[in-house]
PDB file of N, CA and C in Angstrom:
ATOM      1  N   UNK A   1     -48.168  13.102 -10.743  1.00  0.00           N
ATOM      2  CA  UNK A   1     -47.703  12.002 -11.563  1.00  0.00           C
ATOM      3  C   UNK A   1     -46.247  12.214 -11.982  1.00  0.00           C
ATOM      4  N   UNK A   2     -45.813  13.467 -12.079  1.00  0.00           N
ATOM      5  CA  UNK A   2     -44.448  13.768 -12.476  1.00  0.00           C
ATOM      6  C   UNK A   2     -43.442  13.218 -11.478  1.00  0.00           C
ATOM      7  N   UNK A   3     -43.837  13.118 -10.196  1.00  0.00           N
ATOM      8  CA  UNK A   3     -42.924  12.631  -9.165  1.00  0.00           C
ATOM      9  C   UNK A   3     -42.476  11.196  -9.429  1.00  0.00           C
ATOM     10  N   UNK A   4     -43.382  10.338  -9.867  1.00  0.00           N
ATOM     11  CA  UNK A   4     -43.035   8.929  -9.989  1.00  0.00           C
ATOM     12  C   UNK A   4     -42.464   8.554 -11.349  1.00  0.00           C
ATOM     13  N   UNK A   5     -42.343   9.510 -12.253  1.00  0.00           N
ATOM     14  CA  UNK A   5     -41.835   9.182 -13.591  1.00  0.00           C
ATOM     15  C   UNK A   5     -40.321   9.081 -13.652  1.00  0.00           C
ATOM     16  N   UNK A   6     -39.604   9.585 -12.636  1.00  0.00           N
ATOM     17  CA  UNK A   6     -38.147   9.503 -12.616  1.00  0.00           C
ATOM     18  C   UNK A   6     -37.687   8.972 -11.263  1.00  0.00           C
ATOM     19  N   UNK A   7     -36.477   8.440 -11.242  1.00  0.00           N
ATOM     20  CA  UNK A   7     -35.927   7.930  -9.980  1.00  0.00           C
ATOM     21  C   UNK A   7     -35.743   9.060  -8.968  1.00  0.00           C
ATOM     22  N   UNK A   8     -35.295  10.231  -9.440  1.00  0.00           N
ATOM     23  CA  UNK A   8     -35.142  11.374  -8.529  1.00  0.00           C
ATOM     24  C   UNK A   8     -36.497  11.811  -8.000  1.00  0.00           C
ATOM     25  N   UNK A   9     -37.505  11.789  -8.840  1.00  0.00           N
ATOM     26  CA  UNK A   9     -38.856  12.129  -8.409  1.00  0.00           C
ATOM     27  C   UNK A   9     -39.366  11.177  -7.342  1.00  0.00           C
ATOM     28  N   UNK A  10     -39.056   9.889  -7.491  1.00  0.00           N
ATOM     29  CA  UNK A  10     -39.467   8.920  -6.472  1.00  0.00           C
ATOM     30  C   UNK A  10     -38.748   9.186  -5.147  1.00  0.00           C
ATOM     31  N   UNK A  11     -37.466   9.530  -5.213  1.00  0.00           N
ATOM     32  CA  UNK A  11     -36.742   9.897  -3.986  1.00  0.00           C
ATOM     33  C   UNK A  11     -37.391  11.104  -3.335  1.00  0.00           C
ATOM     34  N   UNK A  12     -37.724  12.110  -4.119  1.00  0.00           N
ATOM     35  CA  UNK A  12     -38.342  13.312  -3.566  1.00  0.00           C
ATOM     36  C   UNK A  12     -39.703  13.001  -2.937  1.00  0.00           C
ATOM     37  N   UNK A  13     -40.494  12.146  -3.587  1.00  0.00           N
ATOM     38  CA  UNK A  13     -41.801  11.762  -3.050  1.00  0.00           C
ATOM     39  C   UNK A  13     -41.639  11.018  -1.725  1.00  0.00           C
ATOM     40  N   UNK A  14     -40.729  10.055  -1.691  1.00  0.00           N
ATOM     41  CA  UNK A  14     -40.505   9.294  -0.458  1.00  0.00           C
ATOM     42  C   UNK A  14     -39.943  10.206   0.631  1.00  0.00           C
ATOM     43  N   UNK A  15     -39.109  11.173   0.263  1.00  0.00           N
ATOM     44  CA  UNK A  15     -38.580  12.124   1.248  1.00  0.00           C
ATOM     45  C   UNK A  15     -39.724  12.896   1.911  1.00  0.00           C
ATOM     46  N   UNK A  16     -40.675  13.322   1.115  1.00  0.00           N
ATOM     47  CA  UNK A  16     -41.824  14.059   1.656  1.00  0.00           C
ATOM     48  C   UNK A  16     -42.667  13.144   2.550  1.00  0.00           C
ATOM     49  N   UNK A  17     -42.935  11.922   2.080  1.00  0.00           N
ATOM     50  CA  UNK A  17     -43.727  10.987   2.873  1.00  0.00           C
ATOM     51  C   UNK A  17     -43.015  10.606   4.178  1.00  0.00           C
ATOM     52  N   UNK A  18     -41.698  10.444   4.106  1.00  0.00           N
ATOM     53  CA  UNK A  18     -40.926  10.125   5.306  1.00  0.00           C
ATOM     54  C   UNK A  18     -40.990  11.281   6.300  1.00  0.00           C
ATOM     55  N   UNK A  19     -40.875  12.494   5.804  1.00  0.00           N
ATOM     56  CA  UNK A  19     -40.956  13.667   6.671  1.00  0.00           C
ATOM     57  C   UNK A  19     -42.327  13.826   7.313  1.00  0.00           C
ATOM     58  N   UNK A  20     -43.361  13.626   6.532  1.00  0.00           N
ATOM     59  CA  UNK A  20     -44.727  13.727   7.061  1.00  0.00           C
ATOM     60  C   UNK A  20     -44.966  12.631   8.106  1.00  0.00           C
ATOM     61  N   UNK A  21     -44.507  11.412   7.804  1.00  0.00           N
ATOM     62  CA  UNK A  21     -44.733  10.319   8.755  1.00  0.00           C
ATOM     63  C   UNK A  21     -43.985  10.557  10.068  1.00  0.00           C
ATOM     64  N   UNK A  22     -42.794  11.150  10.000  1.00  0.00           N
ATOM     65  CA  UNK A  22     -42.057  11.469  11.232  1.00  0.00           C
ATOM     66  C   UNK A  22     -42.812  12.523  12.049  1.00  0.00           C
ATOM     67  N   UNK A  23     -43.330  13.535  11.379  1.00  0.00           N
ATOM     68  CA  UNK A  23     -44.090  14.567  12.089  1.00  0.00           C
ATOM     69  C   UNK A  23     -45.362  14.002  12.712  1.00  0.00           C
ATOM     70  N   UNK A  24     -46.061  13.139  11.979  1.00  0.00           N
ATOM     71  CA  UNK A  24     -47.278  12.519  12.518  1.00  0.00           C
ATOM     72  C   UNK A  24     -46.917  11.646  13.719  1.00  0.00           C
ATOM     73  N   UNK A  25     -45.820  10.918  13.607  1.00  0.00           N
ATOM     74  CA  UNK A  25     -45.375  10.066  14.718  1.00  0.00           C
ATOM     75  C   UNK A  25     -45.059  10.905  15.957  1.00  0.00           C
ATOM     76  N   UNK A  26     -44.302  11.978  15.759  1.00  0.00           N
ATOM     77  CA  UNK A  26     -43.876  12.795  16.901  1.00  0.00           C
ATOM     78  C   UNK A  26     -44.991  13.668  17.474  1.00  0.00           C
ATOM     79  N   UNK A  27     -45.826  14.222  16.622  1.00  0.00           N
ATOM     80  CA  UNK A  27     -46.804  15.217  17.066  1.00  0.00           C
ATOM     81  C   UNK A  27     -48.199  14.666  17.356  1.00  0.00           C
ATOM     82  N   UNK A  28     -48.502  13.491  16.815  1.00  0.00           N
ATOM     83  CA  UNK A  28     -49.849  12.933  17.024  1.00  0.00           C
ATOM     84  C   UNK A  28     -49.781  11.579  17.727  1.00  0.00           C
ATOM     85  N   UNK A  29     -49.048  10.627  17.124  1.00  0.00           N
ATOM     86  CA  UNK A  29     -49.071   9.258  17.642  1.00  0.00           C
ATOM     87  C   UNK A  29     -48.435   9.147  19.029  1.00  0.00           C
ATOM     88  N   UNK A  30     -47.272   9.756  19.223  1.00  0.00           N
ATOM     89  CA  UNK A  30     -46.619   9.643  20.534  1.00  0.00           C
ATOM     90  C   UNK A  30     -47.399  10.345  21.645  1.00  0.00           C
ATOM     91  N   UNK A  31     -47.944  11.552  21.411  1.00  0.00           N
ATOM     92  CA  UNK A  31     -48.808  12.120  22.463  1.00  0.00           C
ATOM     93  C   UNK A  31     -50.027  11.253  22.759  1.00  0.00           C
ATOM     94  N   UNK A  32     -50.592  10.622  21.726  1.00  0.00           N
ATOM     95  CA  UNK A  32     -51.713   9.714  21.975  1.00  0.00           C
ATOM     96  C   UNK A  32     -51.278   8.549  22.864  1.00  0.00           C
ATOM     97  N   UNK A  33     -50.079   8.048  22.616  1.00  0.00           N
ATOM     98  CA  UNK A  33     -49.589   6.918  23.425  1.00  0.00           C
ATOM     99  C   UNK A  33     -49.322   7.334  24.859  1.00  0.00           C
ATOM    100  N   UNK A  34     -48.601   8.423  25.039  1.00  0.00           N
ATOM    101  CA  UNK A  34     -48.147   8.781  26.384  1.00  0.00           C
ATOM    102  C   UNK A  34     -49.137   9.637  27.172  1.00  0.00           C
ATOM    103  N   UNK A  35     -49.967  10.399  26.489  1.00  0.00           N
ATOM    104  CA  UNK A  35     -50.918  11.254  27.208  1.00  0.00           C
ATOM    105  C   UNK A  35     -52.315  10.662  27.276  1.00  0.00           C
ATOM    106  N   UNK A  36     -52.669   9.856  26.265  1.00  0.00           N
ATOM    107  CA  UNK A  36     -54.016   9.297  26.234  1.00  0.00           C
ATOM    108  C   UNK A  36     -54.028   7.784  26.421  1.00  0.00           C
ATOM    109  N   UNK A  37     -52.862   7.175  26.548  1.00  0.00           N
ATOM    110  CA  UNK A  37     -52.801   5.741  26.781  1.00  0.00           C
ATOM    111  C   UNK A  37     -53.251   4.898  25.603  1.00  0.00           C
ATOM    112  N   UNK A  38     -53.049   5.384  24.382  1.00  0.00           N
ATOM    113  CA  UNK A  38     -53.459   4.659  23.182  1.00  0.00           C
ATOM    114  C   UNK A  38     -52.234   4.318  22.325  1.00  0.00           C
ATOM    115  N   UNK A  39     -51.595   3.194  22.588  1.00  0.00           N
ATOM    116  CA  UNK A  39     -50.371   2.850  21.880  1.00  0.00           C
ATOM    117  C   UNK A  39     -50.579   2.386  20.435  1.00  0.00           C
ATOM    118  N   UNK A  40     -51.801   2.140  20.041  1.00  0.00           N
ATOM    119  CA  UNK A  40     -52.074   1.639  18.694  1.00  0.00           C
ATOM    120  C   UNK A  40     -51.607   2.576  17.594  1.00  0.00           C
ATOM    121  N   UNK A  41     -51.719   3.869  17.834  1.00  0.00           N
ATOM    122  CA  UNK A  41     -51.320   4.844  16.806  1.00  0.00           C
ATOM    123  C   UNK A  41     -49.822   4.762  16.532  1.00  0.00           C
ATOM    124  N   UNK A  42     -49.030   4.547  17.572  1.00  0.00           N
ATOM    125  CA  UNK A  42     -47.584   4.454  17.387  1.00  0.00           C
ATOM    126  C   UNK A  42     -47.234   3.207  16.587  1.00  0.00           C
ATOM    127  N   UNK A  43     -47.951   2.113  16.824  1.00  0.00           N
ATOM    128  CA  UNK A  43     -47.686   0.888  16.069  1.00  0.00           C
ATOM    129  C   UNK A  43     -47.920   1.102  14.577  1.00  0.00           C
ATOM    130  N   UNK A  44     -49.033   1.685  14.234  1.00  0.00           N
ATOM    131  CA  UNK A  44     -49.387   1.867  12.821  1.00  0.00           C
ATOM    132  C   UNK A  44     -48.496   2.918  12.163  1.00  0.00           C
ATOM    133  N   UNK A  45     -48.411   4.095  12.758  1.00  0.00           N
ATOM    134  CA  UNK A  45     -47.619   5.177  12.165  1.00  0.00           C
ATOM    135  C   UNK A  45     -46.128   4.842  12.222  1.00  0.00           C
ATOM    136  N   UNK A  46     -45.699   4.188  13.294  1.00  0.00           N
ATOM    137  CA  UNK A  46     -44.300   3.792  13.411  1.00  0.00           C
ATOM    138  C   UNK A  46     -43.893   2.813  12.322  1.00  0.00           C
ATOM    139  N   UNK A  47     -44.758   1.862  12.009  1.00  0.00           N
ATOM    140  CA  UNK A  47     -44.471   0.905  10.935  1.00  0.00           C
ATOM    141  C   UNK A  47     -44.395   1.619   9.592  1.00  0.00           C
ATOM    142  N   UNK A  48     -45.346   2.496   9.320  1.00  0.00           N
ATOM    143  CA  UNK A  48     -45.327   3.242   8.056  1.00  0.00           C
ATOM    144  C   UNK A  48     -44.072   4.098   7.959  1.00  0.00           C
ATOM    145  N   UNK A  49     -43.731   4.761   9.043  1.00  0.00           N
ATOM    146  CA  UNK A  49     -42.527   5.586   9.055  1.00  0.00           C
ATOM    147  C   UNK A  49     -41.276   4.732   8.815  1.00  0.00           C
ATOM    148  N   UNK A  50     -41.212   3.578   9.422  1.00  0.00           N
ATOM    149  CA  UNK A  50     -40.084   2.675   9.223  1.00  0.00           C
ATOM    150  C   UNK A  50     -39.935   2.256   7.774  1.00  0.00           C
ATOM    151  N   UNK A  51     -41.036   1.944   7.123  1.00  0.00           N
ATOM    152  CA  UNK A  51     -41.004   1.570   5.703  1.00  0.00           C
ATOM    153  C   UNK A  51     -40.530   2.750   4.860  1.00  0.00           C
ATOM    154  N   UNK A  52     -41.073   3.925   5.116  1.00  0.00           N
ATOM    155  CA  UNK A  52     -40.649   5.108   4.357  1.00  0.00           C
ATOM    156  C   UNK A  52     -39.178   5.431   4.596  1.00  0.00           C
ATOM    157  N   UNK A  53     -38.706   5.248   5.828  1.00  0.00           N
ATOM    158  CA  UNK A  53     -37.309   5.516   6.147  1.00  0.00           C
ATOM    159  C   UNK A  53     -36.385   4.581   5.367  1.00  0.00           C
ATOM    160  N   UNK A  54     -36.707   3.292   5.360  1.00  0.00           N
ATOM    161  CA  UNK A  54     -35.879   2.322   4.629  1.00  0.00           C
ATOM    162  C   UNK A  54     -35.898   2.629   3.138  1.00  0.00           C
ATOM    163  N   UNK A  55     -37.067   2.916   2.584  1.00  0.00           N
ATOM    164  CA  UNK A  55     -37.150   3.284   1.164  1.00  0.00           C
ATOM    165  C   UNK A  55     -36.340   4.541   0.867  1.00  0.00           C
ATOM    166  N   UNK A  56     -36.423   5.512   1.754  1.00  0.00           N
ATOM    167  CA  UNK A  56     -35.676   6.757   1.587  1.00  0.00           C
ATOM    168  C   UNK A  56     -34.177   6.489   1.529  1.00  0.00           C
ATOM    169  N   UNK A  57     -33.678   5.704   2.476  1.00  0.00           N
ATOM    170  CA  UNK A  57     -32.237   5.415   2.513  1.00  0.00           C
ATOM    171  C   UNK A  57     -31.817   4.653   1.261  1.00  0.00           C
ATOM    172  N   UNK A  58     -32.598   3.658   0.848  1.00  0.00           N
ATOM    173  CA  UNK A  58     -32.261   2.899  -0.358  1.00  0.00           C
ATOM    174  C   UNK A  58     -32.266   3.785  -1.599  1.00  0.00           C
ATOM    175  N   UNK A  59     -33.277   4.630  -1.728  1.00  0.00           N
ATOM    176  CA  UNK A  59     -33.348   5.534  -2.886  1.00  0.00           C
ATOM    177  C   UNK A  59     -32.249   6.586  -2.841  1.00  0.00           C
ATOM    178  N   UNK A  60     -31.898   7.039  -1.650  1.00  0.00           N
ATOM    179  CA  UNK A  60     -30.806   7.994  -1.501  1.00  0.00           C
ATOM    180  C   UNK A  60     -29.495   7.373  -1.985  1.00  0.00           C
ATOM    181  N   UNK A  61     -29.226   6.146  -1.581  1.00  0.00           N
ATOM    182  CA  UNK A  61     -28.017   5.457  -2.023  1.00  0.00           C
ATOM    183  C   UNK A  61     -28.048   5.247  -3.534  1.00  0.00           C
ATOM    184  N   UNK A  62     -29.180   4.808  -4.043  1.00  0.00           N
ATOM    185  CA  UNK A  62     -29.304   4.563  -5.486  1.00  0.00           C
ATOM    186  C   UNK A  62     -29.073   5.836  -6.280  1.00  0.00           C
ATOM    187  N   UNK A  63     -29.686   6.934  -5.878  1.00  0.00           N
ATOM    188  CA  UNK A  63     -29.510   8.197  -6.587  1.00  0.00           C
ATOM    189  C   UNK A  63     -28.116   8.771  -6.382  1.00  0.00           C
ATOM    190  N   UNK A  64     -27.555   8.574  -5.200  1.00  0.00           N
ATOM    191  CA  UNK A  64     -26.190   9.033  -4.940  1.00  0.00           C
ATOM    192  C   UNK A  64     -25.195   8.386  -5.879  1.00  0.00           C
ATOM    193  N   UNK A  65     -25.372   7.090  -6.116  1.00  0.00           N
ATOM    194  CA  UNK A  65     -24.490   6.377  -7.043  1.00  0.00           C
ATOM    195  C   UNK A  65     -24.770   6.795  -8.479  1.00  0.00           C
ATOM    196  N   UNK A  66     -26.038   6.825  -8.857  1.00  0.00           N
ATOM    197  CA  UNK A  66     -26.407   7.149 -10.233  1.00  0.00           C
ATOM    198  C   UNK A  66     -26.011   8.570 -10.630  1.00  0.00           C
ATOM    199  N   UNK A  67     -26.139   9.500  -9.704  1.00  0.00           N
ATOM    200  CA  UNK A  67     -25.842  10.905 -10.006  1.00  0.00           C
ATOM    201  C   UNK A  67     -24.449  11.331  -9.557  1.00  0.00           C
ATOM    202  N   UNK A  68     -23.702  10.369  -9.024  1.00  0.00           N
ATOM    203  CA  UNK A  68     -22.334  10.623  -8.569  1.00  0.00           C
ATOM    204  C   UNK A  68     -22.252  11.773  -7.568  1.00  0.00           C
ATOM    205  N   UNK A  69     -23.188  11.730  -6.597  1.00  0.00           N
ATOM    206  CA  UNK A  69     -23.179  12.721  -5.538  1.00  0.00           C
ATOM    207  C   UNK A  69     -21.969  12.492  -4.646  1.00  0.00           C
ATOM    208  N   UNK A  70     -21.492  13.542  -4.041  1.00  0.00           N
ATOM    209  CA  UNK A  70     -20.373  13.426  -3.104  1.00  0.00           C
ATOM    210  C   UNK A  70     -20.845  12.730  -1.835  1.00  0.00           C
ATOM    211  N   UNK A  71     -19.869  12.228  -1.065  1.00  0.00           N
ATOM    212  CA  UNK A  71     -20.206  11.619   0.220  1.00  0.00           C
ATOM    213  C   UNK A  71     -20.865  12.635   1.139  1.00  0.00           C
ATOM    214  N   UNK A  72     -20.449  13.890   1.027  1.00  0.00           N
ATOM    215  CA  UNK A  72     -21.030  14.950   1.852  1.00  0.00           C
ATOM    216  C   UNK A  72     -22.522  15.107   1.561  1.00  0.00           C
ATOM    217  N   UNK A  73     -22.875  15.131   0.281  1.00  0.00           N
ATOM    218  CA  UNK A  73     -24.280  15.269  -0.111  1.00  0.00           C
ATOM    219  C   UNK A  73     -25.092  14.086   0.389  1.00  0.00           C
ATOM    220  N   UNK A  74     -24.554  12.895   0.232  1.00  0.00           N
ATOM    221  CA  UNK A  74     -25.281  11.706   0.687  1.00  0.00           C
ATOM    222  C   UNK A  74     -25.407  11.697   2.215  1.00  0.00           C
ATOM    223  N   UNK A  75     -24.352  12.110   2.916  1.00  0.00           N
ATOM    224  CA  UNK A  75     -24.415  12.174   4.374  1.00  0.00           C
ATOM    225  C   UNK A  75     -25.434  13.210   4.833  1.00  0.00           C
ATOM    226  N   UNK A  76     -25.466  14.359   4.162  1.00  0.00           N
ATOM    227  CA  UNK A  76     -26.471  15.379   4.500  1.00  0.00           C
ATOM    228  C   UNK A  76     -27.880  14.843   4.269  1.00  0.00           C
ATOM    229  N   UNK A  77     -28.063  14.119   3.181  1.00  0.00           N
ATOM    230  CA  UNK A  77     -29.366  13.514   2.905  1.00  0.00           C
ATOM    231  C   UNK A  77     -29.772  12.531   3.981  1.00  0.00           C
ATOM    232  N   UNK A  78     -28.808  11.744   4.475  1.00  0.00           N
ATOM    233  CA  UNK A  78     -29.119  10.790   5.534  1.00  0.00           C
ATOM    234  C   UNK A  78     -29.424  11.505   6.847  1.00  0.00           C
ATOM    235  N   UNK A  79     -28.588  12.453   7.226  1.00  0.00           N
ATOM    236  CA  UNK A  79     -28.806  13.189   8.479  1.00  0.00           C
ATOM    237  C   UNK A  79     -30.145  13.919   8.438  1.00  0.00           C
ATOM    238  N   UNK A  80     -30.521  14.397   7.269  1.00  0.00           N
ATOM    239  CA  UNK A  80     -31.806  15.089   7.130  1.00  0.00           C
ATOM    240  C   UNK A  80     -32.971  14.180   7.511  1.00  0.00           C
ATOM    241  N   UNK A  81     -32.827  12.876   7.291  1.00  0.00           N
ATOM    242  CA  UNK A  81     -33.917  11.958   7.621  1.00  0.00           C
ATOM    243  C   UNK A  81     -34.058  11.749   9.125  1.00  0.00           C
ATOM    244  N   UNK A  82     -33.064  12.144   9.882  1.00  0.00           N
ATOM    245  CA  UNK A  82     -33.100  11.954  11.329  1.00  0.00           C
ATOM    246  C   UNK A  82     -33.645  13.172  12.073  1.00  0.00           C
ATOM    247  N   UNK A  83     -33.787  14.289  11.373  1.00  0.00           N
ATOM    248  CA  UNK A  83     -34.192  15.559  11.978  1.00  0.00           C
ATOM    249  C   UNK A  83     -35.607  15.904  11.506  1.00  0.00           C
ATOM    250  N   UNK A  84     -36.515  16.245  12.428  1.00  0.00           N
ATOM    251  CA  UNK A  84     -37.837  16.679  11.972  1.00  0.00           C
ATOM    252  C   UNK A  84     -37.706  17.842  10.986  1.00  0.00           C
ATOM    253  N   UNK A  85     -38.427  17.794   9.928  1.00  0.00           N
ATOM    254  CA  UNK A  85     -38.438  18.748   8.818  1.00  0.00           C
ATOM    255  C   UNK A  85     -37.177  18.650   7.944  1.00  0.00           C
ATOM    256  N   UNK A  86     -36.263  17.762   8.273  1.00  0.00           N
ATOM    257  CA  UNK A  86     -35.020  17.641   7.525  1.00  0.00           C
ATOM    258  C   UNK A  86     -35.203  17.181   6.092  1.00  0.00           C
ATOM    259  N   UNK A  87     -36.119  16.255   5.873  1.00  0.00           N
ATOM    260  CA  UNK A  87     -36.307  15.766   4.499  1.00  0.00           C
ATOM    261  C   UNK A  87     -36.945  16.836   3.610  1.00  0.00           C
ATOM    262  N   UNK A  88     -37.704  17.741   4.208  1.00  0.00           N
ATOM    263  CA  UNK A  88     -38.258  18.847   3.418  1.00  0.00           C
ATOM    264  C   UNK A  88     -37.130  19.774   2.974  1.00  0.00           C
ATOM    265  N   UNK A  89     -36.165  20.013   3.860  1.00  0.00           N
ATOM    266  CA  UNK A  89     -34.985  20.808   3.512  1.00  0.00           C
ATOM    267  C   UNK A  89     -34.190  20.093   2.421  1.00  0.00           C
ATOM    268  N   UNK A  90     -33.978  18.793   2.590  1.00  0.00           N
ATOM    269  CA  UNK A  90     -33.211  18.023   1.606  1.00  0.00           C
ATOM    270  C   UNK A  90     -33.887  18.060   0.242  1.00  0.00           C
ATOM    271  N   UNK A  91     -35.200  17.986   0.217  1.00  0.00           N
ATOM    272  CA  UNK A  91     -35.922  18.057  -1.054  1.00  0.00           C
ATOM    273  C   UNK A  91     -35.657  19.385  -1.753  1.00  0.00           C
ATOM    274  N   UNK A  92     -35.651  20.475  -1.008  1.00  0.00           N
ATOM    275  CA  UNK A  92     -35.444  21.801  -1.592  1.00  0.00           C
ATOM    276  C   UNK A  92     -33.984  22.058  -1.967  1.00  0.00           C
ATOM    277  N   UNK A  93     -33.043  21.596  -1.134  1.00  0.00           N
ATOM    278  CA  UNK A  93     -31.640  21.946  -1.315  1.00  0.00           C
ATOM    279  C   UNK A  93     -30.809  20.892  -2.022  1.00  0.00           C
ATOM    280  N   UNK A  94     -31.122  19.621  -1.847  1.00  0.00           N
ATOM    281  CA  UNK A  94     -30.260  18.562  -2.375  1.00  0.00           C
ATOM    282  C   UNK A  94     -30.847  17.803  -3.556  1.00  0.00           C
ATOM    283  N   UNK A  95     -32.152  17.635  -3.579  1.00  0.00           N
ATOM    284  CA  UNK A  95     -32.763  16.706  -4.526  1.00  0.00           C
ATOM    285  C   UNK A  95     -33.428  17.384  -5.720  1.00  0.00           C
ATOM    286  N   UNK A  96     -32.940  18.533  -6.112  1.00  0.00           N
ATOM    287  CA  UNK A  96     -33.506  19.221  -7.275  1.00  0.00           C
ATOM    288  C   UNK A  96     -32.866  18.677  -8.556  1.00  0.00           C
ATOM    289  N   UNK A  97     -33.642  18.557  -9.629  1.00  0.00           N
ATOM    290  CA  UNK A  97     -33.073  18.102 -10.891  1.00  0.00           C
ATOM    291  C   UNK A  97     -31.987  19.066 -11.376  1.00  0.00           C
ATOM    292  N   UNK A  98     -31.040  18.542 -12.109  1.00  0.00           N
ATOM    293  CA  UNK A  98     -29.959  19.390 -12.662  1.00  0.00           C
ATOM    294  C   UNK A  98     -30.574  20.471 -13.544  1.00  0.00           C
ATOM    295  N   UNK A  99     -30.121  21.682 -13.354  1.00  0.00           N
ATOM    296  CA  UNK A  99     -30.603  22.800 -14.146  1.00  0.00           C
ATOM    297  C   UNK A  99     -31.897  23.423 -13.626  1.00  0.00           C
ATOM    298  N   UNK A 100     -32.388  22.948 -12.471  1.00  0.00           N
ATOM    299  CA  UNK A 100     -33.628  23.530 -11.937  1.00  0.00           C
ATOM    300  C   UNK A 100     -33.333  24.659 -10.987  1.00  0.00           C
TER     301      UNK A 100
END
């Protein structure tokens, strides 16, 4: 419940969900599509991942402005969303509350 009580917490939650959805897409849904001929998993997981990605980018921009993050920090946060496991790194290194 602590995650959703602050804007930074919501960014961190969406970062985790975006990272998990990317891993599920790459490691489960795509092999099902290409190895087992079942494209339905990619449609469902791909849509969820797309929603999480858009939310992540919007929350990243919102928090970047609110917390006056540098362009470098915001760019690292964005690039992290493109790399598997990147959002988990961003959560640990970039999205910690001040003084934590």
